[in-house]
C-alpha atoms as a PDB file:
ATOM      1  CA  MET A   1     198.929 145.879  90.722  1.00  0.00           C
ATOM      2  CA  THR A   2     198.288 149.202  92.411  1.00  0.00           C
ATOM      3  CA  LEU A   3     194.840 150.768  92.504  1.00  0.00           C
ATOM      4  CA  SER A   4     195.918 153.236  89.797  1.00  0.00           C
ATOM      5  CA  GLU A   5     197.018 150.359  87.592  1.00  0.00           C
ATOM      6  CA  CYS A   6     193.736 148.506  88.155  1.00  0.00           C
ATOM      7  CA  ILE A   7     191.773 151.609  87.199  1.00  0.00           C
ATOM      8  CA  ALA A   8     193.879 152.050  84.052  1.00  0.00           C
ATOM      9  CA  ASP A   9     193.275 148.394  83.215  1.00  0.00           C
ATOM     10  CA  ALA A  10     189.535 148.851  83.741  1.00  0.00           C
ATOM     11  CA  LYS A  11     189.548 151.770  81.294  1.00  0.00           C
ATOM     12  CA  LYS A  12     191.396 149.675  78.718  1.00  0.00           C
ATOM     13  CA  LYS A  13     188.846 146.869  79.093  1.00  0.00           C
ATOM     14  CA  GLY A  14     185.840 149.205  79.208  1.00  0.00           C
ATOM     15  CA  VAL A  15     184.696 147.978  82.627  1.00  0.00           C
ATOM     16  CA  ALA A  16     184.321 149.410  86.141  1.00  0.00           C
ATOM     17  CA  ILE A  17     185.707 148.400  89.549  1.00  0.00           C
ATOM     18  CA  GLY A  18     183.111 147.621  92.192  1.00  0.00           C
ATOM     19  CA  HIS A  19     183.336 149.512  95.491  1.00  0.00           C
ATOM     20  CA  PHE A  20     181.400 148.004  98.425  1.00  0.00           C
ATOM     21  CA  ASN A  21     181.040 149.503 101.891  1.00  0.00           C
ATOM     22  CA  ILE A  22     181.360 147.259 104.937  1.00  0.00           C
ATOM     23  CA  SER A  23     181.043 147.630 108.699  1.00  0.00           C
ATOM     24  CA  ASP A  24     182.548 144.383 109.970  1.00  0.00           C
ATOM     25  CA  SER A  25     184.409 141.176 109.168  1.00  0.00           C
ATOM     26  CA  GLU A  26     181.267 139.535 107.753  1.00  0.00           C
ATOM     27  CA  GLY A  27     181.010 142.248 105.114  1.00  0.00           C
ATOM     28  CA  PHE A  28     184.710 141.937 104.388  1.00  0.00           C
ATOM     29  CA  LYS A  29     184.389 138.168 103.974  1.00  0.00           C
ATOM     30  CA  ALA A  30     181.441 138.505 101.588  1.00  0.00           C
ATOM     31  CA  VAL A  31     183.125 141.089  99.347  1.00  0.00           C
ATOM     32  CA  VAL A  32     186.546 139.439  99.204  1.00  0.00           C
ATOM     33  CA  GLU A  33     185.153 135.952  98.584  1.00  0.00           C
ATOM     34  CA  ALA A  34     183.007 137.261  95.730  1.00  0.00           C
ATOM     35  CA  ALA A  35     185.933 139.084  94.103  1.00  0.00           C
ATOM     36  CA  LYS A  36     188.168 136.040  94.503  1.00  0.00           C
ATOM     37  CA  GLU A  37     185.556 133.762  92.964  1.00  0.00           C
ATOM     38  CA  LEU A  38     185.249 136.001  89.899  1.00  0.00           C
ATOM     39  CA  GLY A  39     188.931 136.949  89.681  1.00  0.00           C
ATOM     40  CA  VAL A  40     188.374 140.711  89.551  1.00  0.00           C
ATOM     41  CA  PRO A  41     189.674 143.696  91.570  1.00  0.00           C
ATOM     42  CA  VAL A  42     187.470 145.162  94.276  1.00  0.00           C
ATOM     43  CA  ILE A  43     187.511 148.159  96.586  1.00  0.00           C
ATOM     44  CA  ILE A  44     186.412 147.946 100.229  1.00  0.00           C
ATOM     45  CA  GLY A  45     184.849 151.208 101.372  1.00  0.00           C
ATOM     46  CA  VAL A  46     184.535 152.472 104.933  1.00  0.00           C
ATOM     47  CA  SER A  47     182.757 155.712 105.758  1.00  0.00           C
ATOM     48  CA  GLU A  48     183.651 157.760 108.820  1.00  0.00           C
ATOM     49  CA  GLY A  49     181.041 155.905 110.890  1.00  0.00           C
ATOM     50  CA  GLU A  50     181.927 152.501 109.475  1.00  0.00           C
ATOM     51  CA  ARG A  51     185.638 152.879 110.142  1.00  0.00           C
ATOM     52  CA  GLU A  52     184.970 154.027 113.695  1.00  0.00           C
ATOM     53  CA  PHE A  53     182.956 150.841 114.228  1.00  0.00           C
ATOM     54  CA  ILE A  54     185.295 148.310 112.611  1.00  0.00           C
ATOM     55  CA  GLY A  55     188.537 150.165 113.324  1.00  0.00           C
ATOM     56  CA  LEU A  56     190.525 151.801 110.531  1.00  0.00           C
ATOM     57  CA  ALA A  57     193.829 150.142 111.404  1.00  0.00           C
ATOM     58  CA  GLU A  58     192.081 146.768 111.641  1.00  0.00           C
ATOM     59  CA  ILE A  59     190.431 146.944 108.214  1.00  0.00           C
ATOM     60  CA  VAL A  60     193.597 148.286 106.569  1.00  0.00           C
ATOM     61  CA  SER A  61     195.456 145.284 107.985  1.00  0.00           C
ATOM     62  CA  LEU A  62     192.841 142.846 106.666  1.00  0.00           C
ATOM     63  CA  VAL A  63     193.057 144.349 103.206  1.00  0.00           C
ATOM     64  CA  LYS A  64     196.844 144.217 103.173  1.00  0.00           C
ATOM     65  CA  VAL A  65     196.780 140.556 104.199  1.00  0.00           C
ATOM     66  CA  ALA A  66     194.354 139.795 101.367  1.00  0.00           C
ATOM     67  CA  ARG A  67     196.557 141.642  98.887  1.00  0.00           C
ATOM     68  CA  GLY A  68     199.599 139.826 100.218  1.00  0.00           C
ATOM     69  CA  ASN A  69     197.804 136.612  99.287  1.00  0.00           C
ATOM     70  CA  GLY A  70     197.575 137.783  95.697  1.00  0.00           C
ATOM     71  CA  LEU A  71     194.062 139.272  95.753  1.00  0.00           C
ATOM     72  CA  PRO A  72     193.580 142.717  94.133  1.00  0.00           C
ATOM     73  CA  VAL A  73     191.680 144.161  97.114  1.00  0.00           C
ATOM     74  CA  PHE A  74     191.957 147.854  98.008  1.00  0.00           C
ATOM     75  CA  ILE A  75     190.755 150.026 100.883  1.00  0.00           C
ATOM     76  CA  ASN A  76     189.083 153.406 100.450  1.00  0.00           C
ATOM     77  CA  ALA A  77     188.281 155.919 103.191  1.00  0.00           C
ATOM     78  CA  ASP A  78     184.834 156.805 101.911  1.00  0.00           C
ATOM     79  CA  HIS A  79     183.128 160.175 102.395  1.00  0.00           C
ATOM     80  CA  THR A  80     185.457 162.071 104.702  1.00  0.00           C
ATOM     81  CA  TYR A  81     184.237 165.507 105.702  1.00  0.00           C
ATOM     82  CA  SER A  82     187.308 167.123 107.224  1.00  0.00           C
ATOM     83  CA  VAL A  83     190.935 167.566 106.237  1.00  0.00           C
ATOM     84  CA  GLU A  84     192.057 166.188 109.607  1.00  0.00           C
ATOM     85  CA  ARG A  85     190.172 162.911 109.196  1.00  0.00           C
ATOM     86  CA  ALA A  86     191.412 162.579 105.625  1.00  0.00           C
ATOM     87  CA  LYS A  87     194.998 162.976 106.845  1.00  0.00           C
ATOM     88  CA  ALA A  88     194.409 160.346 109.535  1.00  0.00           C
ATOM     89  CA  ALA A  89     193.134 157.908 106.907  1.00  0.00           C
ATOM     90  CA  ILE A  90     196.175 158.528 104.699  1.00  0.00           C
ATOM     91  CA  ASP A  91     198.472 157.997 107.695  1.00  0.00           C
ATOM     92  CA  ALA A  92     196.698 154.688 108.384  1.00  0.00           C
ATOM     93  CA  GLY A  93     197.667 153.423 104.942  1.00  0.00           C
ATOM     94  CA  VAL A  94     194.492 153.537 102.839  1.00  0.00           C
ATOM     95  CA  ASP A  95     194.787 153.213  99.078  1.00  0.00           C
ATOM     96  CA  SER A  96     192.437 156.135  98.492  1.00  0.00           C
ATOM     97  CA  VAL A  97     190.415 158.722 100.356  1.00  0.00           C
ATOM     98  CA  ILE A  98     187.413 160.845  99.433  1.00  0.00           C
ATOM     99  CA  ILE A  99     187.409 164.356 100.777  1.00  0.00           C
ATOM    100  CA  ASP A 100     183.766 165.362 100.496  1.00  0.00           C
ATOM    101  CA  GLY A 101     183.129 169.084 100.311  1.00  0.00           C
ATOM    102  CA  ALA A 102     180.169 168.790  97.938  1.00  0.00           C
ATOM    103  CA  ALA A 103     177.825 170.565 100.353  1.00  0.00           C
ATOM    104  CA  LYS A 104     180.234 173.514 100.683  1.00  0.00           C
ATOM    105  CA  SER A 105     180.862 176.423  98.337  1.00  0.00           C
ATOM    106  CA  PHE A 106     183.031 175.803  95.284  1.00  0.00           C
ATOM    107  CA  GLU A 107     185.879 177.783  96.829  1.00  0.00           C
ATOM    108  CA  GLU A 108     185.720 175.953 100.159  1.00  0.00           C
ATOM    109  CA  ASN A 109     185.541 172.610  98.395  1.00  0.00           C
ATOM    110  CA  VAL A 110     188.603 173.410  96.287  1.00  0.00           C
ATOM    111  CA  ALA A 111     190.592 174.630  99.286  1.00  0.00           C
ATOM    112  CA  MET A 112     190.000 171.591 101.518  1.00  0.00           C
ATOM    113  CA  THR A 113     190.468 169.139  98.648  1.00  0.00           C
ATOM    114  CA  LYS A 114     193.763 170.754  97.632  1.00  0.00           C
ATOM    115  CA  LYS A 115     195.037 170.469 101.206  1.00  0.00           C
ATOM    116  CA  VAL A 116     194.413 166.713 101.199  1.00  0.00           C
ATOM    117  CA  VAL A 117     196.058 166.266  97.778  1.00  0.00           C
ATOM    118  CA  ASP A 118     199.145 168.165  98.966  1.00  0.00           C
ATOM    119  CA  TYR A 119     199.292 166.140 102.174  1.00  0.00           C
ATOM    120  CA  ALA A 120     199.046 162.805 100.356  1.00  0.00           C
ATOM    121  CA  GLU A 121     201.820 163.756  97.955  1.00  0.00           C
ATOM    122  CA  GLY A 122     204.025 165.170 100.708  1.00  0.00           C
ATOM    123  CA  ARG A 123     203.617 162.141 102.925  1.00  0.00           C
ATOM    124  CA  ALA A 124     204.532 159.809 100.082  1.00  0.00           C
ATOM    125  CA  LEU A 125     207.748 161.737  99.498  1.00  0.00           C
ATOM    126  CA  ASN A 126     208.659 161.859 103.181  1.00  0.00           C
ATOM    127  CA  THR A 127     208.071 158.141 103.733  1.00  0.00           C
ATOM    128  CA  ASN A 128     209.557 156.953 100.427  1.00  0.00           C
ATOM    129  CA  SER A 129     206.374 155.013  99.715  1.00  0.00           C
ATOM    130  CA  GLN A 130     205.568 153.627  96.266  1.00  0.00           C
ATOM    131  CA  GLY A 131     203.114 156.423  95.684  1.00  0.00           C
ATOM    132  CA  PRO A 132     200.595 158.652  97.464  1.00  0.00           C
ATOM    133  CA  ALA A 133     197.121 157.527  98.412  1.00  0.00           C
ATOM    134  CA  LEU A 134     194.748 158.478  95.618  1.00  0.00           C
ATOM    135  CA  VAL A 135     192.604 161.480  96.517  1.00  0.00           C
ATOM    136  CA  GLU A 136     189.054 161.756  95.244  1.00  0.00           C
ATOM    137  CA  GLY A 137     187.109 164.984  95.146  1.00  0.00           C
ATOM    138  CA  GLU A 138     183.356 165.438  94.805  1.00  0.00           C
ATOM    139  CA  LEU A 139     181.424 168.225  93.109  1.00  0.00           C
ATOM    140  CA  GLY A 140     177.633 168.223  92.986  1.00  0.00           C
ATOM    141  CA  PHE A 141     175.474 167.223  95.976  1.00  0.00           C
ATOM    142  CA  ILE A 142     173.820 163.754  95.929  1.00  0.00           C
ATOM    143  CA  GLY A 143     172.665 163.437  99.549  1.00  0.00           C
ATOM    144  CA  THR A 144     174.403 161.714 102.449  1.00  0.00           C
ATOM    145  CA  SER A 145     172.278 158.774 103.675  1.00  0.00           C
ATOM    146  CA  SER A 146     172.801 155.167 102.547  1.00  0.00           C
ATOM    147  CA  LYS A 147     169.290 153.980 103.403  1.00  0.00           C
ATOM    148  CA  VAL A 148     165.821 153.668 101.871  1.00  0.00           C
ATOM    149  CA  LEU A 149     164.457 157.176 101.263  1.00  0.00           C
ATOM    150  CA  GLU A 150     160.926 158.441 100.776  1.00  0.00           C
ATOM    151  CA  GLU A 151     162.033 161.020  98.222  1.00  0.00           C
ATOM    152  CA  ILE A 152     165.061 162.626  96.599  1.00  0.00           C
ATOM    153  CA  PRO A 153     166.971 164.657  99.245  1.00  0.00           C
ATOM    154  CA  ALA A 154     166.712 168.439  99.156  1.00  0.00           C
ATOM    155  CA  GLY A 155     169.603 170.287  97.544  1.00  0.00           C
ATOM    156  CA  VAL A 156     170.551 167.553  95.076  1.00  0.00           C
ATOM    157  CA  ALA A 157     172.045 169.161  91.959  1.00  0.00           C
ATOM    158  CA  LYS A 158     173.968 167.912  88.928  1.00  0.00           C
ATOM    159  CA  THR A 159     177.608 168.832  88.378  1.00  0.00           C
ATOM    160  CA  ASN A 160     178.347 171.774  86.099  1.00  0.00           C
ATOM    161  CA  PRO A 161     180.915 170.676  83.444  1.00  0.00           C
ATOM    162  CA  ASP A 162     182.763 173.995  83.419  1.00  0.00           C
ATOM    163  CA  GLU A 163     183.069 173.981  87.204  1.00  0.00           C
ATOM    164  CA  ALA A 164     184.157 170.344  87.079  1.00  0.00           C
ATOM    165  CA  ALA A 165     187.044 171.096  84.719  1.00  0.00           C
ATOM    166  CA  GLU A 166     188.168 173.977  86.935  1.00  0.00           C
ATOM    167  CA  PHE A 167     187.786 171.887  90.100  1.00  0.00           C
ATOM    168  CA  VAL A 168     189.995 169.092  88.786  1.00  0.00           C
ATOM    169  CA  LYS A 169     192.571 171.597  87.533  1.00  0.00           C
ATOM    170  CA  GLN A 170     192.772 173.587  90.773  1.00  0.00           C
ATOM    171  CA  THR A 171     192.815 170.620  93.156  1.00  0.00           C
ATOM    172  CA  GLY A 172     195.006 168.103  91.322  1.00  0.00           C
ATOM    173  CA  ILE A 173     192.769 165.203  92.421  1.00  0.00           C
ATOM    174  CA  ASP A 174     193.313 161.658  91.145  1.00  0.00           C
ATOM    175  CA  LEU A 175     189.627 160.665  90.991  1.00  0.00           C
ATOM    176  CA  PHE A 176     186.470 162.706  90.454  1.00  0.00           C
ATOM    177  CA  ALA A 177     182.964 161.977  91.789  1.00  0.00           C
ATOM    178  CA  PRO A 178     180.259 163.978  89.992  1.00  0.00           C
ATOM    179  CA  SER A 179     176.505 164.255  90.424  1.00  0.00           C
ATOM    180  CA  VAL A 180     174.879 162.888  87.272  1.00  0.00           C
ATOM    181  CA  GLY A 181     171.459 161.777  88.488  1.00  0.00           C
ATOM    182  CA  ASN A 182     172.858 159.400  91.115  1.00  0.00           C
ATOM    183  CA  ILE A 183     171.507 159.581  94.669  1.00  0.00           C
ATOM    184  CA  HIS A 184     172.847 158.145  97.926  1.00  0.00           C
ATOM    185  CA  GLY A 185     170.465 155.486  99.197  1.00  0.00           C
ATOM    186  CA  ILE A 186     167.476 153.956  97.432  1.00  0.00           C
ATOM    187  CA  VAL A 187     164.488 156.186  96.658  1.00  0.00           C
ATOM    188  CA  LYS A 188     161.178 154.359  97.174  1.00  0.00           C
ATOM    189  CA  ALA A 189     159.515 156.214  94.315  1.00  0.00           C
ATOM    190  CA  GLY A 190     162.305 155.111  91.973  1.00  0.00           C
ATOM    191  CA  GLU A 191     165.825 156.260  91.175  1.00  0.00           C
ATOM    192  CA  PRO A 192     166.228 159.088  88.666  1.00  0.00           C
ATOM    193  CA  ASP A 193     167.784 158.113  85.339  1.00  0.00           C
ATOM    194  CA  LEU A 194     171.487 158.795  84.984  1.00  0.00           C
ATOM    195  CA  ASP A 195     172.477 161.649  82.676  1.00  0.00           C
ATOM    196  CA  ILE A 196     174.679 159.647  80.310  1.00  0.00           C
ATOM    197  CA  GLU A 197     175.470 162.625  78.079  1.00  0.00           C
ATOM    198  CA  LEU A 198     176.719 164.562  81.102  1.00  0.00           C
ATOM    199  CA  ILE A 199     178.957 161.610  82.057  1.00  0.00           C
ATOM    200  CA  LYS A 200     180.413 161.596  78.534  1.00  0.00           C
ATOM    201  CA  LYS A 201     181.082 165.321  78.699  1.00  0.00           C
ATOM    202  CA  LEU A 202     182.701 165.086  82.142  1.00  0.00           C
ATOM    203  CA  GLU A 203     184.865 162.167  81.029  1.00  0.00           C
ATOM    204  CA  GLN A 204     186.172 164.275  78.153  1.00  0.00           C
ATOM    205  CA  ILE A 205     187.015 167.333  80.203  1.00  0.00           C
ATOM    206  CA  SER A 206     187.945 165.995  83.651  1.00  0.00           C
ATOM    207  CA  GLU A 207     191.183 164.177  82.647  1.00  0.00           C
ATOM    208  CA  VAL A 208     190.877 161.860  85.688  1.00  0.00           C
ATOM    209  CA  PRO A 209     188.819 158.666  86.210  1.00  0.00           C
ATOM    210  CA  LEU A 210     185.172 159.158  87.163  1.00  0.00           C
ATOM    211  CA  VAL A 211     183.544 157.552  90.201  1.00  0.00           C
ATOM    212  CA  LEU A 212     179.807 156.890  90.482  1.00  0.00           C
ATOM    213  CA  HIS A 213     178.464 157.106  94.027  1.00  0.00           C
ATOM    214  CA  GLY A 214     174.986 156.046  95.099  1.00  0.00           C
ATOM    215  CA  GLY A 215     174.906 152.976  92.870  1.00  0.00           C
ATOM    216  CA  SER A 216     172.208 151.139  94.851  1.00  0.00           C
ATOM    217  CA  GLY A 217     168.908 151.119  92.979  1.00  0.00           C
ATOM    218  CA  ILE A 218     170.308 152.156  89.595  1.00  0.00           C
ATOM    219  CA  SER A 219     169.103 150.036  86.680  1.00  0.00           C
ATOM    220  CA  ASP A 220     171.430 147.555  84.974  1.00  0.00           C
ATOM    221  CA  GLU A 221     171.028 149.367  81.671  1.00  0.00           C
ATOM    222  CA  ASP A 222     172.037 152.702  83.208  1.00  0.00           C
ATOM    223  CA  PHE A 223     175.086 151.002  84.725  1.00  0.00           C
ATOM    224  CA  ARG A 224     176.110 149.629  81.326  1.00  0.00           C
ATOM    225  CA  LEU A 225     175.654 153.006  79.647  1.00  0.00           C
ATOM    226  CA  ALA A 226     177.510 154.829  82.442  1.00  0.00           C
ATOM    227  CA  ILE A 227     180.487 152.464  82.216  1.00  0.00           C
ATOM    228  CA  ALA A 228     180.601 152.869  78.436  1.00  0.00           C
ATOM    229  CA  ALA A 229     180.503 156.653  78.947  1.00  0.00           C
ATOM    230  CA  GLY A 230     183.530 156.651  81.258  1.00  0.00           C
ATOM    231  CA  ILE A 231     182.620 155.599  84.812  1.00  0.00           C
ATOM    232  CA  ARG A 232     185.486 153.522  86.269  1.00  0.00           C
ATOM    233  CA  ILE A 233     184.463 152.921  89.911  1.00  0.00           C
ATOM    234  CA  ILE A 234     180.919 152.263  91.159  1.00  0.00           C
ATOM    235  CA  HIS A 235     179.855 152.476  94.814  1.00  0.00           C
ATOM    236  CA  ILE A 236     177.305 150.093  96.321  1.00  0.00           C
ATOM    237  CA  ASN A 237     176.251 150.344  99.964  1.00  0.00           C
ATOM    238  CA  THR A 238     172.500 150.401 100.651  1.00  0.00           C
ATOM    239  CA  GLU A 239     171.873 147.190  98.670  1.00  0.00           C
ATOM    240  CA  LEU A 240     174.503 145.443 100.765  1.00  0.00           C
ATOM    241  CA  ARG A 241     173.038 146.722 104.032  1.00  0.00           C
ATOM    242  CA  LEU A 242     169.579 145.473 103.097  1.00  0.00           C
ATOM    243  CA  ALA A 243     171.002 142.066 102.141  1.00  0.00           C
ATOM    244  CA  TYR A 244     172.946 141.911 105.420  1.00  0.00           C
ATOM    245  CA  LYS A 245     169.863 142.653 107.521  1.00  0.00           C
ATOM    246  CA  ALA A 246     167.745 140.106 105.630  1.00  0.00           C
ATOM    247  CA  GLY A 247     170.477 137.483 106.023  1.00  0.00           C
ATOM    248  CA  ILE A 248     170.780 138.036 109.763  1.00  0.00           C
ATOM    249  CA  GLU A 249     167.008 137.769 110.191  1.00  0.00           C
ATOM    250  CA  GLU A 250     167.040 134.491 108.265  1.00  0.00           C
ATOM    251  CA  GLY A 251     169.969 133.179 110.286  1.00  0.00           C
ATOM    252  CA  ILE A 252     168.292 133.951 113.604  1.00  0.00           C
ATOM    253  CA  LYS A 253     165.147 132.116 112.485  1.00  0.00           C
ATOM    254  CA  SER A 254     167.258 128.960 112.123  1.00  0.00           C
ATOM    255  CA  GLY A 255     167.524 128.665 115.897  1.00  0.00           C
ATOM    256  CA  GLU A 256     171.327 128.536 115.802  1.00  0.00           C
ATOM    257  CA  ILE A 257     173.049 130.341 118.662  1.00  0.00           C
ATOM    258  CA  ALA A 258     176.658 130.126 117.460  1.00  0.00           C
ATOM    259  CA  PRO A 259     177.377 133.437 115.690  1.00  0.00           C
ATOM    260  CA  TYR A 260     179.588 131.821 113.060  1.00  0.00           C
ATOM    261  CA  LYS A 261     176.616 129.655 112.094  1.00  0.00           C
ATOM    262  CA  PHE A 262     173.730 132.114 112.018  1.00  0.00           C
ATOM    263  CA  MET A 263     175.920 134.864 110.534  1.00  0.00           C
ATOM    264  CA  GLN A 264     176.665 132.629 107.550  1.00  0.00           C
ATOM    265  CA  GLU A 265     173.284 133.610 106.136  1.00  0.00           C
ATOM    266  CA  ALA A 266     174.267 137.278 106.255  1.00  0.00           C
ATOM    267  CA  VAL A 267     177.559 136.581 104.482  1.00  0.00           C
ATOM    268  CA  LYS A 268     175.787 134.477 101.872  1.00  0.00           C
ATOM    269  CA  SER A 269     173.172 137.165 101.266  1.00  0.00           C
ATOM    270  CA  MET A 270     175.765 139.928 100.859  1.00  0.00           C
ATOM    271  CA  LYS A 271     178.009 137.777  98.678  1.00  0.00           C
ATOM    272  CA  GLU A 272     175.146 137.174  96.253  1.00  0.00           C
ATOM    273  CA  VAL A 273     174.674 140.922  95.828  1.00  0.00           C
ATOM    274  CA  VAL A 274     178.400 141.535  95.330  1.00  0.00           C
ATOM    275  CA  ILE A 275     178.733 138.751  92.752  1.00  0.00           C
ATOM    276  CA  GLU A 276     175.746 140.042  90.796  1.00  0.00           C
ATOM    277  CA  ARG A 277     177.125 143.564  90.720  1.00  0.00           C
ATOM    278  CA  LEU A 278     180.703 142.549  89.928  1.00  0.00           C
ATOM    279  CA  LYS A 279     179.514 140.438  87.005  1.00  0.00           C
ATOM    280  CA  LEU A 280     177.598 143.411  85.620  1.00  0.00           C
ATOM    281  CA  PHE A 281     180.418 145.917  86.161  1.00  0.00           C
ATOM    282  CA  ASN A 282     183.010 143.601  84.600  1.00  0.00           C
ATOM    283  CA  ASN A 283     180.878 142.420  81.681  1.00  0.00           C
ATOM    284  CA  LEU A 284     181.048 138.790  82.853  1.00  0.00           C
END
């Protein structure tokens, strides 16, 4: 199945696909093993910094090998802030790419997003590929840091439904990431509640699948309500990073010096988080 087909299947079942960011092979192992164990699709996400660290070509190859072995694993070039980097990700063979112009004006956001959509479609035609990489656009600022925060970042604002409808229409995007009370990172004082009514309204008018970013720290009940309202992909990053760090610290305490031994704790810790989230997102 393609990513588009998996998303359509998720809509039919009333579930959401989990998207988990990684920085290395340990993260990849944790996410893929969890998805395989549960028998559900999963998306591997790599931000600009993460793909510079792990290598974009390397992670694309790992994902394609996993898919060649029958696992529904996909690769997404997460938050990409320039048209040039988005094009490079598409050329590398990602299944989807997010062109993030949420901090820019509406007009600038539309213009850069449309350029990436046109490039993805044009490249697919020129290379006779099965289909273009899916392009995701974002409207409504939710912050940029996947870490523990003291407070909600300045400038965070919910997506305007009328602007959202116009944004999707003008850009031709395949996926839409709105701001509905979600925040990147985990806020120490507590995450704001999701605006479920806004999600319902956006689902009705956007005509493309909705993606929820900043999933770390959101309550299980809000996740359930958001999925029922129309969210089809959910991003988790900060929770995984915290689990990774805790696992490494535990592994080092063991006294082992072989990396494949003490890093097992990190993989185990991350895998537990991924399994928990995938069960929730897939109503298992």
